[in-house]
Amino acid sequence: MVQITYRIVEHDGGWAYQLAGTYSETYPDHDAARAAAIAVSREQKVPDENTLIEYADASGNWITERADGHDRPEVDVEG
């Protein structure tokens, strides 16, 4: 199973969550960024539904792929 970790970091005059070098939008405070990361992490774990997912790779290119609902990652939020 894939393990992913969202990290809460200072970014662009505020706070963001980061995954594999890619930042979310900027939030005004740490708690708001953490709440957004937790919401995103919950969406990653929705079982039994096939769905399309979109994410940016390390080069900033957006990738769209079909995710099997039975193959969900383990997700953590740090910070």
N, C-alpha and C. Protein backbone atom coordinates (compact mmCIF):
# COMPACT_ATOMS: atom_id res chain seq x y z
N MET A 1 0.84 -1.18 0.00
CA MET A 1 0.00 0.00 0.00
C MET A 1 0.89 1.24 0.00
N VAL A 2 0.45 2.24 -0.69
CA VAL A 2 1.18 3.50 -0.79
C VAL A 2 0.94 4.33 0.47
N GLN A 3 2.00 4.94 0.98
CA GLN A 3 1.93 5.83 2.14
C GLN A 3 2.23 7.25 1.66
N ILE A 4 1.33 8.20 1.93
CA ILE A 4 1.60 9.59 1.60
C ILE A 4 1.44 10.43 2.86
N THR A 5 2.23 11.51 2.94
CA THR A 5 2.20 12.39 4.11
C THR A 5 2.11 13.83 3.65
N TYR A 6 1.06 14.51 4.07
CA TYR A 6 0.94 15.94 3.86
C TYR A 6 1.65 16.63 5.02
N ARG A 7 2.50 17.61 4.70
CA ARG A 7 3.22 18.35 5.74
C ARG A 7 2.74 19.80 5.74
N ILE A 8 2.49 20.32 6.94
CA ILE A 8 2.07 21.71 7.08
C ILE A 8 3.34 22.56 7.18
N VAL A 9 3.47 23.54 6.28
CA VAL A 9 4.69 24.35 6.20
C VAL A 9 4.33 25.82 5.99
N GLU A 10 5.25 26.69 6.39
CA GLU A 10 5.10 28.11 6.06
C GLU A 10 5.34 28.27 4.57
N HIS A 11 4.49 29.09 3.93
CA HIS A 11 4.61 29.25 2.48
C HIS A 11 3.97 30.56 2.03
N ASP A 12 4.71 31.33 1.28
CA ASP A 12 4.20 32.52 0.61
C ASP A 12 3.45 33.47 1.55
N GLY A 13 4.05 33.72 2.72
CA GLY A 13 3.46 34.65 3.67
C GLY A 13 2.35 34.08 4.52
N GLY A 14 2.13 32.79 4.46
CA GLY A 14 1.10 32.12 5.24
C GLY A 14 1.48 30.68 5.49
N TRP A 15 0.51 29.80 5.41
CA TRP A 15 0.73 28.38 5.65
C TRP A 15 0.10 27.57 4.53
N ALA A 16 0.68 26.39 4.26
CA ALA A 16 0.17 25.51 3.22
C ALA A 16 0.43 24.08 3.64
N TYR A 17 -0.21 23.15 2.94
CA TYR A 17 0.20 21.76 3.09
C TYR A 17 1.00 21.39 1.84
N GLN A 18 1.94 20.49 2.03
CA GLN A 18 2.87 20.14 0.96
C GLN A 18 2.92 18.62 0.81
N LEU A 19 3.00 18.18 -0.43
CA LEU A 19 3.16 16.77 -0.74
C LEU A 19 4.13 16.66 -1.91
N ALA A 20 5.23 15.96 -1.68
CA ALA A 20 6.21 15.69 -2.74
C ALA A 20 6.65 16.97 -3.46
N GLY A 21 6.89 18.04 -2.71
CA GLY A 21 7.39 19.27 -3.29
C GLY A 21 6.33 20.18 -3.88
N THR A 22 5.08 19.77 -3.83
CA THR A 22 3.98 20.57 -4.37
C THR A 22 3.20 21.18 -3.21
N TYR A 23 2.92 22.48 -3.31
CA TYR A 23 2.22 23.21 -2.25
C TYR A 23 0.75 23.39 -2.60
N SER A 24 -0.06 23.41 -1.56
CA SER A 24 -1.47 23.76 -1.72
C SER A 24 -1.56 25.28 -1.87
N GLU A 25 -2.79 25.77 -1.94
CA GLU A 25 -2.97 27.20 -1.85
C GLU A 25 -2.50 27.66 -0.47
N THR A 26 -2.27 28.95 -0.33
CA THR A 26 -1.81 29.51 0.95
C THR A 26 -3.00 29.82 1.84
N TYR A 27 -2.88 29.44 3.11
CA TYR A 27 -3.91 29.70 4.12
C TYR A 27 -3.38 30.73 5.11
N PRO A 28 -4.26 31.47 5.77
CA PRO A 28 -3.80 32.56 6.64
C PRO A 28 -3.11 32.08 7.91
N ASP A 29 -3.43 30.85 8.37
CA ASP A 29 -2.79 30.38 9.60
C ASP A 29 -2.60 28.86 9.55
N HIS A 30 -1.83 28.38 10.49
CA HIS A 30 -1.47 26.96 10.57
C HIS A 30 -2.72 26.08 10.70
N ASP A 31 -3.65 26.49 11.56
CA ASP A 31 -4.84 25.68 11.79
C ASP A 31 -5.68 25.52 10.53
N ALA A 32 -5.80 26.56 9.74
CA ALA A 32 -6.58 26.49 8.50
C ALA A 32 -5.91 25.56 7.50
N ALA A 33 -4.59 25.63 7.40
CA ALA A 33 -3.86 24.74 6.48
C ALA A 33 -3.98 23.30 6.94
N ARG A 34 -3.89 23.07 8.24
CA ARG A 34 -4.02 21.71 8.78
C ARG A 34 -5.42 21.16 8.53
N ALA A 35 -6.44 21.97 8.75
CA ALA A 35 -7.82 21.54 8.50
C ALA A 35 -8.02 21.17 7.03
N ALA A 36 -7.45 21.96 6.13
CA ALA A 36 -7.57 21.66 4.70
C ALA A 36 -6.84 20.36 4.36
N ALA A 37 -5.67 20.14 4.94
CA ALA A 37 -4.92 18.91 4.69
C ALA A 37 -5.67 17.70 5.21
N ILE A 38 -6.30 17.83 6.36
CA ILE A 38 -7.08 16.72 6.91
C ILE A 38 -8.27 16.41 6.00
N ALA A 39 -8.93 17.44 5.49
CA ALA A 39 -10.05 17.23 4.57
C ALA A 39 -9.59 16.51 3.31
N VAL A 40 -8.45 16.93 2.76
CA VAL A 40 -7.92 16.29 1.56
C VAL A 40 -7.52 14.85 1.86
N SER A 41 -6.92 14.63 3.02
CA SER A 41 -6.50 13.26 3.37
C SER A 41 -7.70 12.33 3.50
N ARG A 42 -8.81 12.84 4.02
CA ARG A 42 -10.02 12.01 4.12
C ARG A 42 -10.55 11.64 2.74
N GLU A 43 -10.46 12.57 1.80
CA GLU A 43 -10.90 12.28 0.44
C GLU A 43 -10.04 11.19 -0.20
N GLN A 44 -8.77 11.13 0.17
CA GLN A 44 -7.87 10.11 -0.36
C GLN A 44 -8.26 8.71 0.09
N LYS A 45 -8.96 8.60 1.22
CA LYS A 45 -9.24 7.31 1.82
C LYS A 45 -10.66 6.80 1.57
N VAL A 46 -11.44 7.45 0.74
CA VAL A 46 -12.82 7.02 0.50
C VAL A 46 -12.77 5.64 -0.18
N PRO A 47 -13.32 4.61 0.47
CA PRO A 47 -13.23 3.26 -0.08
C PRO A 47 -14.34 2.93 -1.07
N ASP A 48 -14.08 1.88 -1.85
CA ASP A 48 -15.07 1.24 -2.70
C ASP A 48 -15.66 2.11 -3.81
N GLU A 49 -14.97 3.14 -4.21
CA GLU A 49 -15.43 3.95 -5.34
C GLU A 49 -14.27 4.13 -6.31
N ASN A 50 -14.50 3.81 -7.55
CA ASN A 50 -13.52 4.16 -8.57
C ASN A 50 -13.73 5.63 -8.89
N THR A 51 -12.64 6.36 -9.07
CA THR A 51 -12.77 7.80 -9.30
C THR A 51 -11.58 8.30 -10.10
N LEU A 52 -11.73 9.46 -10.68
CA LEU A 52 -10.60 10.12 -11.33
C LEU A 52 -9.92 11.01 -10.30
N ILE A 53 -8.61 10.97 -10.26
CA ILE A 53 -7.86 11.85 -9.38
C ILE A 53 -6.95 12.73 -10.20
N GLU A 54 -6.68 13.92 -9.70
CA GLU A 54 -5.77 14.86 -10.35
C GLU A 54 -4.74 15.30 -9.34
N TYR A 55 -3.50 15.39 -9.81
CA TYR A 55 -2.42 15.85 -8.94
C TYR A 55 -1.32 16.43 -9.82
N ALA A 56 -0.49 17.26 -9.20
CA ALA A 56 0.65 17.84 -9.92
C ALA A 56 1.89 17.02 -9.59
N ASP A 57 2.68 16.69 -10.62
CA ASP A 57 3.92 15.98 -10.36
C ASP A 57 5.01 16.98 -9.97
N ALA A 58 6.21 16.49 -9.72
CA ALA A 58 7.31 17.35 -9.25
C ALA A 58 7.65 18.45 -10.24
N SER A 59 7.32 18.28 -11.52
CA SER A 59 7.59 19.30 -12.54
C SER A 59 6.44 20.29 -12.69
N GLY A 60 5.37 20.09 -11.93
CA GLY A 60 4.23 21.00 -12.01
C GLY A 60 3.21 20.61 -13.07
N ASN A 61 3.39 19.45 -13.70
CA ASN A 61 2.44 18.97 -14.70
C ASN A 61 1.27 18.29 -14.01
N TRP A 62 0.05 18.60 -14.45
CA TRP A 62 -1.13 17.98 -13.85
C TRP A 62 -1.37 16.62 -14.49
N ILE A 63 -1.60 15.63 -13.65
CA ILE A 63 -1.83 14.26 -14.07
C ILE A 63 -3.26 13.90 -13.67
N THR A 64 -3.99 13.26 -14.57
CA THR A 64 -5.32 12.74 -14.27
C THR A 64 -5.28 11.24 -14.49
N GLU A 65 -5.72 10.49 -13.49
CA GLU A 65 -5.74 9.04 -13.65
C GLU A 65 -6.91 8.44 -12.87
N ARG A 66 -7.28 7.25 -13.27
CA ARG A 66 -8.37 6.55 -12.59
C ARG A 66 -7.79 5.80 -11.40
N ALA A 67 -8.41 5.97 -10.25
CA ALA A 67 -7.98 5.29 -9.03
C ALA A 67 -9.00 4.20 -8.68
N ASP A 68 -8.51 3.01 -8.47
CA ASP A 68 -9.34 1.89 -8.05
C ASP A 68 -9.75 2.11 -6.60
N GLY A 69 -11.02 2.06 -6.31
CA GLY A 69 -11.52 2.31 -4.96
C GLY A 69 -11.06 1.32 -3.92
N HIS A 70 -10.51 0.20 -4.36
CA HIS A 70 -10.01 -0.80 -3.41
C HIS A 70 -8.53 -0.62 -3.15
N ASP A 71 -7.89 0.32 -3.79
CA ASP A 71 -6.44 0.53 -3.65
C ASP A 71 -6.19 1.95 -3.16
N ARG A 72 -6.55 2.24 -1.93
CA ARG A 72 -6.43 3.59 -1.37
C ARG A 72 -5.15 3.70 -0.57
N PRO A 73 -4.51 4.86 -0.59
CA PRO A 73 -3.26 5.04 0.16
C PRO A 73 -3.49 5.20 1.65
N GLU A 74 -2.46 4.96 2.42
CA GLU A 74 -2.43 5.32 3.83
C GLU A 74 -2.00 6.78 3.86
N VAL A 75 -2.70 7.64 4.60
CA VAL A 75 -2.44 9.08 4.56
C VAL A 75 -2.20 9.61 5.99
N ASP A 76 -1.17 10.45 6.12
CA ASP A 76 -0.88 11.13 7.37
C ASP A 76 -0.80 12.63 7.13
N VAL A 77 -1.03 13.41 8.18
CA VAL A 77 -0.81 14.85 8.16
C VAL A 77 0.16 15.16 9.28
N GLU A 78 1.28 15.81 8.96
CA GLU A 78 2.28 16.19 9.96
C GLU A 78 2.37 17.69 10.07
N GLY A 79 2.49 18.16 11.30
CA GLY A 79 2.70 19.58 11.54
C GLY A 79 1.50 20.27 12.10
